[in-house]
Each structure stands twice: as structure tokens, then as C-alpha cells.
Amino acid sequence: MGALLAMSPTVPGTYHGYDHEFHLATVETRTDVCHSLRQLRAELRKLRGTLTQMASDAGLSVLSAGTMPTADWRTTRLVRKPRYDRCFEHYRDVVQRRVTCGCHVHVGIADQELAVQVLNRVQPWLPMFLAISASSPFYDSADTGYQSFRNPLWAGFPIGGPPPLFESHAAYAEHVRQLLDSDALTDMGNLYWDARLGTRYPTLEFRIADACTTIDETVLLAGLARALVLTCIDEIQAERPPVRTSPPMIKAATWRAARSGLTADLIDPMTSEKLPAPAMLDRFLHYTQEALKDLGDWEEISYLASHLLSTGTSSHRQHRTLTTTGHLPDVIDELITETTRELQ
């Protein structure tokens, strides 16, 4: 059965675009700033290809998913860095159990006041990013019953889930300062909202998504994130009022996305209605269509969305493999294959 193994602590840091996360067995890849989906796809191929070769040279394999199905959180080794040590001492087993990987998308917004307004407006759509990316149905060798179990695993941290609504950047900064002063956060990096302002760069950061198994899924996610930001900016500049949604309804929609992915009904937090997942995805595409067309991304994103509905999310495909073979190692093998399939 597949097991998580730690690569050399010095290997990822030796190469531009790579770093460790909390666990030695996880590697973070970071693209350069990309201005087109084509550039993003090329960056992802390069990063995955180099990492796959590094792993192969060490006798290992690489897979991209929200969780590694058979990982034993009790025996995973943590990276020894002062920041990570402080985080572990503060949150203890919540950190140890969180053997997960996410896909974070940064969209540049130079004006921080504008970024806060956009942050407020993107919130009803955040559950869709989770449903699309769901890739963590198995945890600790068990079927969790969720399409994204990574999402509820993060509930142990004090600051997570949908962010509050903020009147201004000053209000955002003051709220974060109070969280730091209260000791709920050890540093800005532990601000685990589903979306937030970038802590190092002038960006809006989407954090809710599971790590995407395929490059296609990653491109779909990033393309939708950029189009959503531009759609919200257009609405702000046109002085259109935002749709008011309740925080509990957004949380309910997030839970439903984690539970079902694209396999069942989803909740539209703007109307409180249940919709079949394809209909909710179509609603999202319709909302961002003008921005996607302006960017020249409409054909690719609409194709990738249709393709995802026909093949199922990574979680759906993992369940399908387990149903067919009955063996979790076969799920791992398929994840490894899908992770590297688009490198040619």
C-alpha cells in the first residue's frame, strides 16, 4: 500500500518554485505571475515535470490531491522551521492531523480598498471552487463520505471558513490586528479564511480549493477565479449593489460542496435554493461569461467545465476506481497517473 515518504528537506528549496509545507512529505509548487491560461498551463507542466523527475530520482512518485488516501497522520514528519514549530506548539494535533494540500489562486488587485470590496462580493461563489476541485474523499485509509474531507479538517483552526464582510481596508486590517493581539493567530499566515487579501503581494487569494489532480482542473479553477474578480470589479465600477447573503447560508453551501462535490445538489447562497450541480456550475459560468470572453478564455473554460462534468471531479474518479477494483492502492496509482498525464 502506498505511503507518504519525506523527500530530502533541502530538495524543494534548491529549486525556484518549490518549497515544503508543514509536512516533509508535501511539496508546495508556486508559478510565476501568469498573464494567460496558456502561460499558466506551461508553468504547471514545468513545475510538475521537474518535481516528478526529482521524485523519480529518489525512487518516489508524486500525486496531487487534497489528501493522500492512505497517509497516516500519526507518523508523518513535520518540517522543522521556527514558524512551523510555533504553529505546532500553538495548535498541536490540529496541525499534525492536517495532512492535506490545497490549491491557492492569487489574482492581482493593486488597490487594497478595491480588493476588500471584491473580497466581499466573491464570497457566494467560493463554494463552487471547492465543489470543482474536490479531491480528498479518503483520509487515514478510510472513505470519509465527503468529496472534500480536507475542508472539514481545517475546522479545528480558530480562524477559517468564509471571511467576514468588511466596510474598508482599514476595517480589514484592524480585524486582523485584533486576531493577532488575541493570540488566535500566531502570524498572518494562519489567517485561514476561504479567501483573503494576499499577505505578501497585492492580490486577492482564493484558498478554499483542494489541490487539483490534473493540470486541466487547475487551469479551470484559476480561469474562473480571475474572471470572477474582473466581474466583481465591473459591478463595483458600475455601482451595482452586491447581492446580500447570510454567513450561515454561505457556510451551509460550503458544507454541501465539501460533502457532495459535483455529484448531487448544491446550494446557491444568494437564493437559498438547491440546484443540481451542473445547473449551479452553469449559473457560475453565466455570471462570469462576459469577463471570460473579454479575456479570451471563454471557449477554454467552458470546455474544461463541460469536460469536468462528463468525467467527474477527482474525488468522483477516485471513488469510481475503488468501486471497480476494491483496493485503495489502485486509487493511488490512478492519482499518480492523472497527476503526470498532461506533462507530454
Protein backbone atom coordinates (compact mmCIF):
# COMPACT_ATOMS: atom_id res chain seq x y z
CA MET A 1 0.00 0.00 0.00
CA GLY A 2 1.27 3.50 -0.82
CA ALA A 3 2.79 5.52 1.99
CA LEU A 4 3.86 9.13 2.42
CA LEU A 5 7.62 9.45 2.44
CA ALA A 6 9.64 12.57 3.15
CA MET A 7 11.81 13.89 0.37
CA SER A 8 15.11 15.41 1.47
CA PRO A 9 14.34 18.61 3.39
CA THR A 10 16.77 20.50 1.14
CA VAL A 11 15.50 19.32 -2.25
CA PRO A 12 12.44 21.56 -2.84
CA GLY A 13 14.17 24.68 -1.56
CA THR A 14 17.01 24.10 -4.00
CA TYR A 15 14.78 24.86 -6.99
CA HIS A 16 12.86 28.02 -7.84
CA GLY A 17 9.12 27.47 -7.44
CA TYR A 18 9.22 24.76 -4.78
CA ASP A 19 9.03 24.65 -1.01
CA HIS A 20 7.93 22.34 1.79
CA GLU A 21 4.67 22.77 3.63
CA PHE A 22 4.12 21.71 7.25
CA HIS A 23 4.77 18.04 6.45
CA LEU A 24 8.00 16.80 4.90
CA ALA A 25 6.03 14.61 2.50
CA THR A 26 4.22 17.57 0.93
CA VAL A 27 5.76 19.95 -1.58
CA GLU A 28 4.37 23.36 -2.48
CA THR A 29 4.76 24.47 -6.09
CA ARG A 30 4.47 28.15 -6.99
CA THR A 31 4.10 29.50 -10.51
CA ASP A 32 5.49 32.84 -11.56
CA VAL A 33 2.94 35.58 -12.25
CA CYS A 34 0.93 34.41 -15.25
CA HIS A 35 -0.97 36.66 -17.66
CA SER A 36 -2.74 33.98 -19.71
CA LEU A 37 -4.10 30.48 -19.29
CA ARG A 38 -1.57 29.29 -21.84
CA GLN A 39 1.28 30.66 -19.73
CA LEU A 40 -0.23 29.10 -16.61
CA ARG A 41 -0.50 25.70 -18.27
CA ALA A 42 3.14 25.88 -19.36
CA GLU A 43 4.24 26.82 -15.84
CA LEU A 44 2.28 23.96 -14.31
CA ARG A 45 3.75 21.47 -16.76
CA LYS A 46 7.26 22.68 -15.98
CA LEU A 47 6.77 22.56 -12.21
CA ARG A 48 5.09 19.16 -12.18
CA GLY A 49 7.58 17.75 -14.66
CA THR A 50 10.63 18.83 -12.68
CA LEU A 51 9.13 17.65 -9.40
CA THR A 52 8.18 14.30 -10.91
CA GLN A 53 11.75 13.84 -12.12
CA MET A 54 13.19 14.80 -8.71
CA ALA A 55 10.89 12.28 -7.04
CA SER A 56 11.72 9.58 -9.57
CA ASP A 57 15.44 10.12 -8.99
CA ALA A 58 14.76 9.47 -5.29
CA GLY A 59 12.69 6.35 -6.03
CA LEU A 60 9.41 8.10 -5.24
CA SER A 61 6.24 9.18 -7.03
CA VAL A 62 4.24 12.39 -6.92
CA LEU A 63 0.48 12.82 -6.71
CA SER A 64 -1.66 15.92 -6.48
CA ALA A 65 -4.80 15.70 -4.33
CA GLY A 66 -6.39 17.24 -1.26
CA THR A 67 -5.38 14.17 0.75
CA MET A 68 -3.20 11.14 0.15
CA PRO A 69 -5.68 8.26 0.66
CA THR A 70 -3.52 6.05 2.89
CA ALA A 71 -1.49 8.69 4.73
CA ASP A 72 -1.12 8.01 8.46
CA TRP A 73 -1.12 11.41 10.14
CA ARG A 74 0.31 9.88 13.33
CA THR A 75 3.63 9.10 11.69
CA THR A 76 4.06 11.97 9.25
CA ARG A 77 7.09 14.13 9.96
CA LEU A 78 6.77 17.87 10.34
CA VAL A 79 9.15 20.37 8.76
CA ARG A 80 11.38 21.96 11.39
CA LYS A 81 11.19 25.71 10.89
CA PRO A 82 10.75 28.30 13.67
CA ARG A 83 7.40 29.42 12.21
CA TYR A 84 6.11 25.86 11.87
CA ASP A 85 7.37 24.97 15.35
CA ARG A 86 5.43 27.90 16.82
CA CYS A 87 2.34 26.91 14.88
CA PHE A 88 2.53 23.31 16.07
CA GLU A 89 3.01 24.32 19.70
CA HIS A 90 0.01 26.63 19.41
CA TYR A 91 -2.45 24.34 17.60
CA ARG A 92 -0.97 20.91 18.41
CA ASP A 93 -2.72 17.92 16.79
CA VAL A 94 -4.85 20.12 14.57
CA VAL A 95 -1.60 20.72 12.66
CA GLN A 96 -0.43 17.11 12.89
CA ARG A 97 -3.73 15.74 11.54
CA ARG A 98 -3.90 18.20 8.68
CA VAL A 99 -2.00 16.16 6.09
CA THR A 100 -3.71 17.98 3.24
CA CYS A 101 -2.93 20.01 0.13
CA GLY A 102 -4.83 22.95 -1.32
CA CYS A 103 -4.74 25.00 -4.49
CA HIS A 104 -4.38 28.72 -3.82
CA VAL A 105 -5.02 31.17 -6.64
CA HIS A 106 -3.79 34.77 -6.42
CA VAL A 107 -5.42 37.43 -8.58
CA GLY A 108 -3.65 40.78 -8.62
CA ILE A 109 -5.56 43.84 -7.36
CA ALA A 110 -3.28 46.83 -6.75
CA ASP A 111 -5.89 48.94 -4.91
CA GLN A 112 -6.43 47.43 -1.47
CA GLU A 113 -9.71 49.27 -0.90
CA LEU A 114 -11.00 47.75 -4.12
CA ALA A 115 -9.63 44.35 -3.08
CA VAL A 116 -11.73 44.42 0.10
CA GLN A 117 -14.87 45.21 -1.88
CA VAL A 118 -14.10 42.35 -4.26
CA LEU A 119 -13.47 40.04 -1.30
CA ASN A 120 -16.97 40.80 -0.05
CA ARG A 121 -18.54 40.08 -3.44
CA VAL A 122 -16.80 36.79 -4.30
CA GLN A 123 -17.99 35.01 -1.18
CA PRO A 124 -21.23 33.48 -2.53
CA TRP A 125 -19.21 31.77 -5.27
CA LEU A 126 -16.44 30.34 -3.10
CA PRO A 127 -18.26 27.00 -2.52
CA MET A 128 -18.17 26.40 -6.28
CA PHE A 129 -14.37 26.40 -6.23
CA LEU A 130 -14.50 23.68 -3.59
CA ALA A 131 -17.04 21.60 -5.49
CA ILE A 132 -15.00 21.82 -8.70
CA SER A 133 -11.69 20.92 -7.06
CA ALA A 134 -12.88 18.22 -4.63
CA SER A 135 -10.10 15.63 -4.46
CA SER A 136 -9.95 14.39 -0.86
CA PRO A 137 -12.55 11.65 -0.24
CA PHE A 138 -10.16 9.33 1.60
CA TYR A 139 -8.31 10.06 4.82
CA ASP A 140 -6.31 7.72 7.02
CA SER A 141 -7.20 4.80 4.69
CA ALA A 142 -10.93 5.37 5.18
CA ASP A 143 -13.73 6.60 2.93
CA THR A 144 -14.91 9.73 4.74
CA GLY A 145 -18.21 10.08 2.88
CA TYR A 146 -17.07 13.54 1.75
CA GLN A 147 -15.87 14.63 -1.66
CA SER A 148 -13.56 17.09 0.10
CA PHE A 149 -12.63 15.95 3.58
CA ARG A 150 -9.77 18.43 3.56
CA ASN A 151 -12.34 21.18 4.10
CA PRO A 152 -13.76 19.96 7.44
CA LEU A 153 -10.25 19.03 8.60
CA TRP A 154 -9.48 22.74 8.66
CA ALA A 155 -12.36 23.44 11.04
CA GLY A 156 -10.04 22.87 14.00
CA PHE A 157 -8.23 26.14 13.38
CA PRO A 158 -9.76 29.18 15.10
CA ILE A 159 -9.81 31.43 12.03
CA GLY A 160 -11.18 29.79 8.90
CA GLY A 161 -14.18 29.40 6.64
CA PRO A 162 -15.87 32.35 4.90
CA PRO A 163 -14.34 35.70 5.91
CA PRO A 164 -16.46 38.45 7.48
CA LEU A 165 -17.71 41.33 5.37
CA PHE A 166 -15.61 44.49 5.70
CA GLU A 167 -16.50 48.12 5.10
CA SER A 168 -12.96 49.16 4.23
CA HIS A 169 -9.34 48.07 4.12
CA ALA A 170 -8.82 49.81 7.46
CA ALA A 171 -11.57 47.64 8.98
CA TYR A 172 -9.94 44.53 7.50
CA ALA A 173 -6.52 45.48 8.88
CA GLU A 174 -7.95 46.29 12.31
CA HIS A 175 -9.80 42.96 12.45
CA VAL A 176 -6.60 41.07 11.63
CA ARG A 177 -4.67 43.10 14.21
CA GLN A 178 -7.20 42.15 16.89
CA LEU A 179 -6.89 38.47 15.95
CA LEU A 180 -3.12 38.67 16.27
CA ASP A 181 -3.37 40.50 19.60
CA SER A 182 -5.83 37.91 20.89
CA ASP A 183 -3.30 35.14 20.19
CA ALA A 184 -5.79 33.30 17.98
CA LEU A 185 -3.23 33.71 15.20
CA THR A 186 0.48 33.09 15.56
CA ASP A 187 1.11 35.14 12.42
CA MET A 188 -0.62 36.41 9.30
CA GLY A 189 -0.04 33.10 7.54
CA ASN A 190 -2.52 31.42 9.90
CA LEU A 191 -5.39 33.53 8.60
CA TYR A 192 -7.12 30.53 7.05
CA TRP A 193 -10.19 32.15 5.56
CA ASP A 194 -11.52 30.66 2.33
CA ALA A 195 -10.37 33.87 0.65
CA ARG A 196 -8.27 36.73 1.95
CA LEU A 197 -6.07 39.61 0.89
CA GLY A 198 -2.58 38.46 0.00
CA THR A 199 -0.19 38.74 2.93
CA ARG A 200 2.90 39.42 0.78
CA TYR A 201 1.57 40.66 -2.54
CA PRO A 202 -1.29 42.97 -3.63
CA THR A 203 -3.62 40.13 -4.52
CA LEU A 204 -6.90 38.53 -3.64
CA GLU A 205 -6.12 34.96 -2.63
CA PHE A 206 -8.61 32.13 -3.16
CA ARG A 207 -7.75 29.41 -0.62
CA ILE A 208 -10.80 27.17 -0.42
CA ALA A 209 -9.95 24.69 -3.19
CA ASP A 210 -8.42 21.24 -2.81
CA ALA A 211 -5.20 20.60 -4.70
CA CYS A 212 -6.25 19.77 -8.25
CA THR A 213 -5.22 16.37 -9.57
CA THR A 214 -4.97 17.42 -13.22
CA ILE A 215 -3.49 20.47 -14.87
CA ASP A 216 -6.81 21.00 -16.69
CA GLU A 217 -8.63 21.30 -13.35
CA THR A 218 -6.05 23.79 -12.08
CA VAL A 219 -6.41 25.92 -15.20
CA LEU A 220 -10.21 25.82 -14.88
CA LEU A 221 -10.00 26.96 -11.26
CA ALA A 222 -7.59 29.80 -11.98
CA GLY A 223 -9.50 30.97 -15.05
CA LEU A 224 -12.74 31.17 -13.09
CA ALA A 225 -11.05 32.99 -10.21
CA ARG A 226 -9.65 35.67 -12.48
CA ALA A 227 -12.94 36.10 -14.33
CA LEU A 228 -14.86 36.31 -11.05
CA VAL A 229 -12.59 39.08 -9.78
CA LEU A 230 -12.97 41.06 -13.01
CA THR A 231 -16.75 40.57 -12.94
CA CYS A 232 -16.90 41.93 -9.39
CA ILE A 233 -14.70 44.90 -10.30
CA ASP A 234 -17.00 45.71 -13.22
CA GLU A 235 -20.01 45.63 -10.86
CA ILE A 236 -18.26 47.90 -8.35
CA GLN A 237 -17.29 50.41 -11.03
CA ALA A 238 -20.87 50.34 -12.36
CA GLU A 239 -22.07 50.96 -8.77
CA ARG A 240 -24.26 47.88 -8.75
CA PRO A 241 -25.17 46.84 -5.20
CA PRO A 242 -23.86 43.45 -4.07
CA VAL A 243 -26.24 40.56 -3.53
CA ARG A 244 -26.71 40.20 0.22
CA THR A 245 -26.14 36.72 1.59
CA SER A 246 -26.12 35.42 5.13
CA PRO A 247 -22.90 33.94 6.55
CA PRO A 248 -24.74 30.80 7.75
CA MET A 249 -26.05 30.18 4.22
CA ILE A 250 -22.55 30.52 2.76
CA LYS A 251 -21.29 28.06 5.37
CA ALA A 252 -24.12 25.69 4.50
CA ALA A 253 -23.24 25.96 0.81
CA THR A 254 -19.59 25.28 1.64
CA TRP A 255 -20.51 22.19 3.66
CA ARG A 256 -22.69 20.90 0.84
CA ALA A 257 -19.87 21.44 -1.67
CA ALA A 258 -17.46 19.53 0.58
CA ARG A 259 -19.95 16.74 1.15
CA SER A 260 -21.14 16.23 -2.43
CA GLY A 261 -18.75 17.96 -4.82
CA LEU A 262 -20.48 17.85 -8.20
CA THR A 263 -22.28 14.56 -7.52
CA ALA A 264 -25.52 15.96 -6.05
CA ASP A 265 -27.41 19.18 -5.44
CA LEU A 266 -25.54 22.30 -4.38
CA ILE A 267 -26.83 25.35 -2.52
CA ASP A 268 -26.96 28.77 -4.12
CA PRO A 269 -26.32 31.02 -1.09
CA MET A 270 -27.72 34.03 -2.96
CA THR A 271 -31.18 32.47 -3.30
CA SER A 272 -31.01 29.69 -0.65
CA GLU A 273 -32.27 27.23 -3.26
CA LYS A 274 -30.91 23.78 -4.01
CA LEU A 275 -29.76 23.23 -7.57
CA PRO A 276 -28.28 20.24 -9.39
CA ALA A 277 -24.51 20.70 -9.54
CA PRO A 278 -24.45 21.15 -13.36
CA ALA A 279 -27.05 23.90 -13.09
CA MET A 280 -25.07 25.69 -10.38
CA LEU A 281 -21.90 25.46 -12.44
CA ASP A 282 -23.80 26.80 -15.45
CA ARG A 283 -25.02 29.70 -13.29
CA PHE A 284 -21.41 30.45 -12.34
CA LEU A 285 -20.27 30.35 -15.96
CA HIS A 286 -23.11 32.64 -16.99
CA TYR A 287 -22.18 35.12 -14.24
CA THR A 288 -18.54 35.28 -15.37
CA GLN A 289 -19.18 34.85 -19.11
CA GLU A 290 -18.59 38.46 -20.15
CA ALA A 291 -15.25 38.62 -18.32
CA LEU A 292 -14.21 35.25 -19.72
CA LYS A 293 -14.96 36.45 -23.24
CA ASP A 294 -13.11 39.73 -22.69
CA LEU A 295 -10.08 37.73 -21.53
CA GLY A 296 -10.31 35.35 -24.48
CA ASP A 297 -10.86 32.46 -22.05
CA TRP A 298 -14.50 31.58 -22.69
CA GLU A 299 -14.00 28.69 -25.09
CA GLU A 300 -11.32 27.01 -22.99
CA ILE A 301 -13.05 27.46 -19.64
CA SER A 302 -16.48 26.39 -20.90
CA TYR A 303 -14.88 23.31 -22.50
CA LEU A 304 -12.96 22.42 -19.31
CA ALA A 305 -16.13 22.82 -17.23
CA SER A 306 -18.10 20.57 -19.58
CA HIS A 307 -15.29 18.03 -19.58
CA LEU A 308 -15.21 18.01 -15.77
CA LEU A 309 -18.94 17.32 -15.62
CA SER A 310 -18.52 14.39 -18.00
CA THR A 311 -15.53 12.80 -16.23
CA GLY A 312 -16.39 13.76 -12.66
CA THR A 313 -14.19 15.51 -10.14
CA SER A 314 -11.03 13.87 -8.84
CA SER A 315 -12.98 12.62 -5.80
CA HIS A 316 -15.63 11.10 -8.04
CA ARG A 317 -12.98 9.38 -10.13
CA GLN A 318 -11.22 8.07 -7.03
CA HIS A 319 -14.47 6.57 -5.77
CA ARG A 320 -15.06 5.04 -9.19
CA THR A 321 -11.64 3.38 -9.14
CA LEU A 322 -12.22 1.99 -5.65
CA THR A 323 -15.64 0.66 -6.66
CA THR A 324 -14.08 -1.06 -9.67
CA THR A 325 -11.03 -2.61 -8.00
CA GLY A 326 -11.79 -2.57 -4.29
CA HIS A 327 -8.21 -1.55 -3.45
CA LEU A 328 -7.00 1.85 -2.24
CA PRO A 329 -3.51 1.30 -3.74
CA ASP A 330 -5.20 1.32 -7.15
CA VAL A 331 -6.66 4.73 -6.32
CA ILE A 332 -3.16 5.98 -5.51
CA ASP A 333 -1.78 4.57 -8.76
CA GLU A 334 -4.52 6.33 -10.71
CA LEU A 335 -3.83 9.61 -8.91
CA ILE A 336 -0.15 9.34 -9.81
CA THR A 337 -1.06 8.67 -13.44
CA GLU A 338 -3.50 11.60 -13.63
CA THR A 339 -1.05 13.96 -11.94
CA THR A 340 1.55 13.38 -14.66
CA ARG A 341 -0.69 12.63 -17.67
CA GLU A 342 -0.60 16.16 -19.13
CA LEU A 343 3.18 16.61 -18.93
CA GLN A 344 3.81 15.47 -22.51
